[in-house]
PDB file of N, CA and C in Angstrom:
ATOM      1  N   UNK A   1      65.486 189.851 206.521  1.00  0.00           N
ATOM      2  CA  UNK A   1      65.303 191.219 206.480  1.00  0.00           C
ATOM      3  C   UNK A   1      66.348 191.932 205.657  1.00  0.00           C
ATOM      4  N   UNK A   2      67.583 191.477 205.779  1.00  0.00           N
ATOM      5  CA  UNK A   2      68.637 192.204 204.995  1.00  0.00           C
ATOM      6  C   UNK A   2      68.503 191.954 203.497  1.00  0.00           C
ATOM      7  N   UNK A   3      67.905 190.775 203.161  1.00  0.00           N
ATOM      8  CA  UNK A   3      67.718 190.491 201.659  1.00  0.00           C
ATOM      9  C   UNK A   3      66.731 191.442 201.090  1.00  0.00           C
ATOM     10  N   UNK A   4      65.648 191.706 201.915  1.00  0.00           N
ATOM     11  CA  UNK A   4      64.609 192.678 201.372  1.00  0.00           C
ATOM     12  C   UNK A   4      65.170 194.031 201.332  1.00  0.00           C
ATOM     13  N   UNK A   5      65.986 194.429 202.273  1.00  0.00           N
ATOM     14  CA  UNK A   5      66.567 195.792 202.317  1.00  0.00           C
ATOM     15  C   UNK A   5      67.528 195.935 201.128  1.00  0.00           C
ATOM     16  N   UNK A   6      68.387 194.954 200.830  1.00  0.00           N
ATOM     17  CA  UNK A   6      69.231 194.973 199.708  1.00  0.00           C
ATOM     18  C   UNK A   6      68.538 195.003 198.420  1.00  0.00           C
ATOM     19  N   UNK A   7      67.446 194.307 198.203  1.00  0.00           N
ATOM     20  CA  UNK A   7      66.608 194.327 197.014  1.00  0.00           C
ATOM     21  C   UNK A   7      65.979 195.686 196.923  1.00  0.00           C
ATOM     22  N   UNK A   8      65.416 196.296 197.974  1.00  0.00           N
ATOM     23  CA  UNK A   8      64.850 197.569 197.885  1.00  0.00           C
ATOM     24  C   UNK A   8      65.847 198.650 197.515  1.00  0.00           C
ATOM     25  N   UNK A   9      67.068 198.601 198.028  1.00  0.00           N
ATOM     26  CA  UNK A   9      68.118 199.557 197.616  1.00  0.00           C
ATOM     27  C   UNK A   9      68.476 199.385 196.134  1.00  0.00           C
ATOM     28  N   UNK A  10      68.530 198.174 195.655  1.00  0.00           N
ATOM     29  CA  UNK A  10      68.770 197.907 194.180  1.00  0.00           C
ATOM     30  C   UNK A  10      67.730 198.507 193.323  1.00  0.00           C
ATOM     31  N   UNK A  11      66.498 198.298 193.757  1.00  0.00           N
ATOM     32  CA  UNK A  11      65.341 198.755 192.978  1.00  0.00           C
ATOM     33  C   UNK A  11      65.375 200.336 192.969  1.00  0.00           C
ATOM     34  N   UNK A  12      65.674 200.957 194.059  1.00  0.00           N
ATOM     35  CA  UNK A  12      65.738 202.421 194.097  1.00  0.00           C
ATOM     36  C   UNK A  12      66.881 202.938 193.254  1.00  0.00           C
ATOM     37  N   UNK A  13      68.053 202.293 193.242  1.00  0.00           N
ATOM     38  CA  UNK A  13      69.221 202.688 192.423  1.00  0.00           C
ATOM     39  C   UNK A  13      69.087 202.360 190.960  1.00  0.00           C
ATOM     40  N   UNK A  14      68.257 201.388 190.621  1.00  0.00           N
ATOM     41  CA  UNK A  14      68.155 200.906 189.211  1.00  0.00           C
ATOM     42  C   UNK A  14      67.831 202.050 188.160  1.00  0.00           C
ATOM     43  N   UNK A  15      66.940 202.986 188.417  1.00  0.00           N
ATOM     44  CA  UNK A  15      66.702 203.940 187.340  1.00  0.00           C
ATOM     45  C   UNK A  15      67.983 204.840 187.057  1.00  0.00           C
ATOM     46  N   UNK A  16      68.701 205.231 188.186  1.00  0.00           N
ATOM     47  CA  UNK A  16      69.891 206.012 188.001  1.00  0.00           C
ATOM     48  C   UNK A  16      70.969 205.234 187.289  1.00  0.00           C
ATOM     49  N   UNK A  17      71.273 203.987 187.590  1.00  0.00           N
ATOM     50  CA  UNK A  17      72.183 203.209 186.916  1.00  0.00           C
ATOM     51  C   UNK A  17      71.775 203.046 185.434  1.00  0.00           C
ATOM     52  N   UNK A  18      70.530 202.745 185.160  1.00  0.00           N
ATOM     53  CA  UNK A  18      70.013 202.609 183.809  1.00  0.00           C
ATOM     54  C   UNK A  18      70.269 203.855 182.983  1.00  0.00           C
ATOM     55  N   UNK A  19      70.040 205.019 183.610  1.00  0.00           N
ATOM     56  CA  UNK A  19      70.284 206.315 182.958  1.00  0.00           C
ATOM     57  C   UNK A  19      71.683 206.487 182.596  1.00  0.00           C
ATOM     58  N   UNK A  20      72.606 206.121 183.505  1.00  0.00           N
ATOM     59  CA  UNK A  20      74.073 206.208 183.207  1.00  0.00           C
ATOM     60  C   UNK A  20      74.400 205.348 182.063  1.00  0.00           C
ATOM     61  N   UNK A  21      73.978 204.106 182.056  1.00  0.00           N
ATOM     62  CA  UNK A  21      74.283 203.222 180.973  1.00  0.00           C
ATOM     63  C   UNK A  21      73.749 203.627 179.640  1.00  0.00           C
ATOM     64  N   UNK A  22      72.528 204.174 179.628  1.00  0.00           N
ATOM     65  CA  UNK A  22      71.938 204.717 178.402  1.00  0.00           C
ATOM     66  C   UNK A  22      72.702 205.906 177.859  1.00  0.00           C
ATOM     67  N   UNK A  23      73.131 206.792 178.687  1.00  0.00           N
ATOM     68  CA  UNK A  23      73.972 207.931 178.261  1.00  0.00           C
ATOM     69  C   UNK A  23      75.270 207.435 177.632  1.00  0.00           C
ATOM     70  N   UNK A  24      75.870 206.527 178.295  1.00  0.00           N
ATOM     71  CA  UNK A  24      77.186 206.030 177.772  1.00  0.00           C
ATOM     72  C   UNK A  24      77.003 205.353 176.340  1.00  0.00           C
ATOM     73  N   UNK A  25      76.017 204.536 176.173  1.00  0.00           N
ATOM     74  CA  UNK A  25      75.839 203.832 174.950  1.00  0.00           C
ATOM     75  C   UNK A  25      75.289 204.742 173.796  1.00  0.00           C
ATOM     76  N   UNK A  26      74.480 205.772 174.193  1.00  0.00           N
ATOM     77  CA  UNK A  26      74.039 206.728 173.193  1.00  0.00           C
ATOM     78  C   UNK A  26      75.202 207.621 172.738  1.00  0.00           C
ATOM     79  N   UNK A  27      76.122 207.948 173.624  1.00  0.00           N
ATOM     80  CA  UNK A  27      77.285 208.717 173.178  1.00  0.00           C
ATOM     81  C   UNK A  27      78.176 207.850 172.252  1.00  0.00           C
ATOM     82  N   UNK A  28      78.365 206.572 172.540  1.00  0.00           N
ATOM     83  CA  UNK A  28      79.164 205.687 171.801  1.00  0.00           C
ATOM     84  C   UNK A  28      78.463 205.555 170.357  1.00  0.00           C
ATOM     85  N   UNK A  29      77.130 205.403 170.356  1.00  0.00           N
ATOM     86  CA  UNK A  29      76.491 205.262 169.015  1.00  0.00           C
ATOM     87  C   UNK A  29      76.657 206.537 168.227  1.00  0.00           C
ATOM     88  N   UNK A  30      76.475 207.694 168.801  1.00  0.00           N
ATOM     89  CA  UNK A  30      76.627 208.907 168.088  1.00  0.00           C
ATOM     90  C   UNK A  30      78.064 209.116 167.618  1.00  0.00           C
ATOM     91  N   UNK A  31      78.969 208.809 168.408  1.00  0.00           N
ATOM     92  CA  UNK A  31      80.457 208.887 168.088  1.00  0.00           C
ATOM     93  C   UNK A  31      80.737 207.996 166.812  1.00  0.00           C
ATOM     94  N   UNK A  32      80.246 206.777 166.797  1.00  0.00           N
ATOM     95  CA  UNK A  32      80.474 205.873 165.699  1.00  0.00           C
ATOM     96  C   UNK A  32      79.783 206.374 164.514  1.00  0.00           C
ATOM     97  N   UNK A  33      78.588 206.962 164.606  1.00  0.00           N
ATOM     98  CA  UNK A  33      77.870 207.471 163.426  1.00  0.00           C
ATOM     99  C   UNK A  33      78.601 208.626 162.834  1.00  0.00           C
ATOM    100  N   UNK A  34      79.179 209.490 163.648  1.00  0.00           N
ATOM    101  CA  UNK A  34      80.027 210.543 163.094  1.00  0.00           C
ATOM    102  C   UNK A  34      81.290 210.116 162.449  1.00  0.00           C
ATOM    103  N   UNK A  35      81.969 209.151 163.066  1.00  0.00           N
ATOM    104  CA  UNK A  35      83.141 208.600 162.401  1.00  0.00           C
ATOM    105  C   UNK A  35      82.786 207.892 161.136  1.00  0.00           C
ATOM    106  N   UNK A  36      81.695 207.258 161.032  1.00  0.00           N
ATOM    107  CA  UNK A  36      81.206 206.629 159.784  1.00  0.00           C
ATOM    108  C   UNK A  36      81.038 207.645 158.687  1.00  0.00           C
ATOM    109  N   UNK A  37      80.562 208.848 158.990  1.00  0.00           N
ATOM    110  CA  UNK A  37      80.492 209.873 157.946  1.00  0.00           C
ATOM    111  C   UNK A  37      81.839 210.460 157.594  1.00  0.00           C
ATOM    112  N   UNK A  38      82.623 210.698 158.610  1.00  0.00           N
ATOM    113  CA  UNK A  38      83.993 211.426 158.304  1.00  0.00           C
ATOM    114  C   UNK A  38      84.979 210.499 157.678  1.00  0.00           C
ATOM    115  N   UNK A  39      84.884 209.167 157.913  1.00  0.00           N
ATOM    116  CA  UNK A  39      85.900 208.227 157.336  1.00  0.00           C
ATOM    117  C   UNK A  39      85.405 207.494 156.092  1.00  0.00           C
ATOM    118  N   UNK A  40      84.606 208.105 155.344  1.00  0.00           N
ATOM    119  CA  UNK A  40      84.188 207.598 153.962  1.00  0.00           C
ATOM    120  C   UNK A  40      83.165 206.508 154.030  1.00  0.00           C
ATOM    121  N   UNK A  41      82.300 206.467 154.968  1.00  0.00           N
ATOM    122  CA  UNK A  41      81.220 205.447 154.936  1.00  0.00           C
ATOM    123  C   UNK A  41      81.627 204.049 155.376  1.00  0.00           C
ATOM    124  N   UNK A  42      82.885 203.926 155.940  1.00  0.00           N
ATOM    125  CA  UNK A  42      83.290 202.643 156.407  1.00  0.00           C
ATOM    126  C   UNK A  42      82.496 202.211 157.697  1.00  0.00           C
ATOM    127  N   UNK A  43      82.096 200.992 157.709  1.00  0.00           N
ATOM    128  CA  UNK A  43      81.432 200.603 158.962  1.00  0.00           C
ATOM    129  C   UNK A  43      82.302 200.496 160.090  1.00  0.00           C
ATOM    130  N   UNK A  44      83.584 200.037 159.790  1.00  0.00           N
ATOM    131  CA  UNK A  44      84.665 200.012 160.841  1.00  0.00           C
ATOM    132  C   UNK A  44      85.134 201.372 161.024  1.00  0.00           C
ATOM    133  N   UNK A  45      85.048 201.940 162.142  1.00  0.00           N
ATOM    134  CA  UNK A  45      85.474 203.325 162.345  1.00  0.00           C
ATOM    135  C   UNK A  45      86.739 203.343 162.996  1.00  0.00           C
ATOM    136  N   UNK A  46      87.658 204.335 162.551  1.00  0.00           N
ATOM    137  CA  UNK A  46      88.975 204.381 162.964  1.00  0.00           C
ATOM    138  C   UNK A  46      89.189 205.605 163.808  1.00  0.00           C
ATOM    139  N   UNK A  47      90.185 205.502 164.740  1.00  0.00           N
ATOM    140  CA  UNK A  47      90.604 206.597 165.485  1.00  0.00           C
ATOM    141  C   UNK A  47      91.632 207.434 164.604  1.00  0.00           C
ATOM    142  N   UNK A  48      91.901 208.638 165.031  1.00  0.00           N
ATOM    143  CA  UNK A  48      92.792 209.489 164.160  1.00  0.00           C
ATOM    144  C   UNK A  48      94.153 208.851 164.184  1.00  0.00           C
ATOM    145  N   UNK A  49      94.632 208.261 165.288  1.00  0.00           N
ATOM    146  CA  UNK A  49      96.009 207.758 165.385  1.00  0.00           C
ATOM    147  C   UNK A  49      96.140 206.536 164.518  1.00  0.00           C
ATOM    148  N   UNK A  50      95.008 205.848 164.188  1.00  0.00           N
ATOM    149  CA  UNK A  50      95.054 204.645 163.344  1.00  0.00           C
ATOM    150  C   UNK A  50      95.046 204.933 161.871  1.00  0.00           C
ATOM    151  N   UNK A  51      94.803 206.137 161.504  1.00  0.00           N
ATOM    152  CA  UNK A  51      94.737 206.546 160.089  1.00  0.00           C
ATOM    153  C   UNK A  51      96.009 206.271 159.329  1.00  0.00           C
ATOM    154  N   UNK A  52      97.173 206.605 159.940  1.00  0.00           N
ATOM    155  CA  UNK A  52      98.411 206.343 159.239  1.00  0.00           C
ATOM    156  C   UNK A  52      98.636 204.812 159.080  1.00  0.00           C
ATOM    157  N   UNK A  53      98.336 204.042 160.065  1.00  0.00           N
ATOM    158  CA  UNK A  53      98.480 202.607 159.950  1.00  0.00           C
ATOM    159  C   UNK A  53      97.662 202.048 158.792  1.00  0.00           C
ATOM    160  N   UNK A  54      96.394 202.484 158.738  1.00  0.00           N
ATOM    161  CA  UNK A  54      95.492 201.929 157.722  1.00  0.00           C
ATOM    162  C   UNK A  54      95.982 202.317 156.367  1.00  0.00           C
ATOM    163  N   UNK A  55      96.516 203.514 156.194  1.00  0.00           N
ATOM    164  CA  UNK A  55      97.073 203.930 154.881  1.00  0.00           C
ATOM    165  C   UNK A  55      98.296 203.056 154.541  1.00  0.00           C
ATOM    166  N   UNK A  56      99.141 202.724 155.454  1.00  0.00           N
ATOM    167  CA  UNK A  56     100.252 201.833 155.223  1.00  0.00           C
ATOM    168  C   UNK A  56      99.827 200.476 154.718  1.00  0.00           C
ATOM    169  N   UNK A  57      98.812 199.970 155.412  1.00  0.00           N
ATOM    170  CA  UNK A  57      98.226 198.644 155.004  1.00  0.00           C
ATOM    171  C   UNK A  57      97.672 198.678 153.608  1.00  0.00           C
ATOM    172  N   UNK A  58      96.978 199.772 153.352  1.00  0.00           N
ATOM    173  CA  UNK A  58      96.384 199.853 151.962  1.00  0.00           C
ATOM    174  C   UNK A  58      97.427 199.946 150.969  1.00  0.00           C
ATOM    175  N   UNK A  59      98.480 200.708 151.189  1.00  0.00           N
ATOM    176  CA  UNK A  59      99.583 200.865 150.157  1.00  0.00           C
ATOM    177  C   UNK A  59     100.331 199.491 150.095  1.00  0.00           C
ATOM    178  N   UNK A  60     100.474 198.730 151.124  1.00  0.00           N
ATOM    179  CA  UNK A  60     101.122 197.435 151.021  1.00  0.00           C
ATOM    180  C   UNK A  60     100.299 196.490 150.202  1.00  0.00           C
ATOM    181  N   UNK A  61      98.995 196.451 150.396  1.00  0.00           N
ATOM    182  CA  UNK A  61      98.160 195.550 149.631  1.00  0.00           C
ATOM    183  C   UNK A  61      98.051 196.097 148.149  1.00  0.00           C
ATOM    184  N   UNK A  62      98.139 197.347 147.913  1.00  0.00           N
ATOM    185  CA  UNK A  62      98.065 197.862 146.511  1.00  0.00           C
ATOM    186  C   UNK A  62      99.358 197.490 145.775  1.00  0.00           C
ATOM    187  N   UNK A  63     100.499 197.459 146.515  1.00  0.00           N
ATOM    188  CA  UNK A  63     101.803 197.205 145.884  1.00  0.00           C
ATOM    189  C   UNK A  63     101.904 195.680 145.538  1.00  0.00           C
ATOM    190  N   UNK A  64     101.183 194.812 146.228  1.00  0.00           N
ATOM    191  CA  UNK A  64     101.344 193.409 145.996  1.00  0.00           C
ATOM    192  C   UNK A  64     100.498 192.961 144.806  1.00  0.00           C
ATOM    193  N   UNK A  65      99.634 193.801 144.294  1.00  0.00           N
ATOM    194  CA  UNK A  65      98.794 193.309 143.170  1.00  0.00           C
ATOM    195  C   UNK A  65      99.463 193.596 141.904  1.00  0.00           C
TER     196      UNK A  65
END
């Protein structure tokens, strides 16, 4: 009896949990698409605090050539 009750509760909660998961991943996808546009079409998207580090790495590679 408790197995059936637990399964029923999971089935009832499933649409709400699925909705939360979809909102989270849609936000993540939109955020990555916006970063893709702002950071010059790079597939790897960077946070603002990483921008200085990436510039330093680029300059280091440029100096070695």
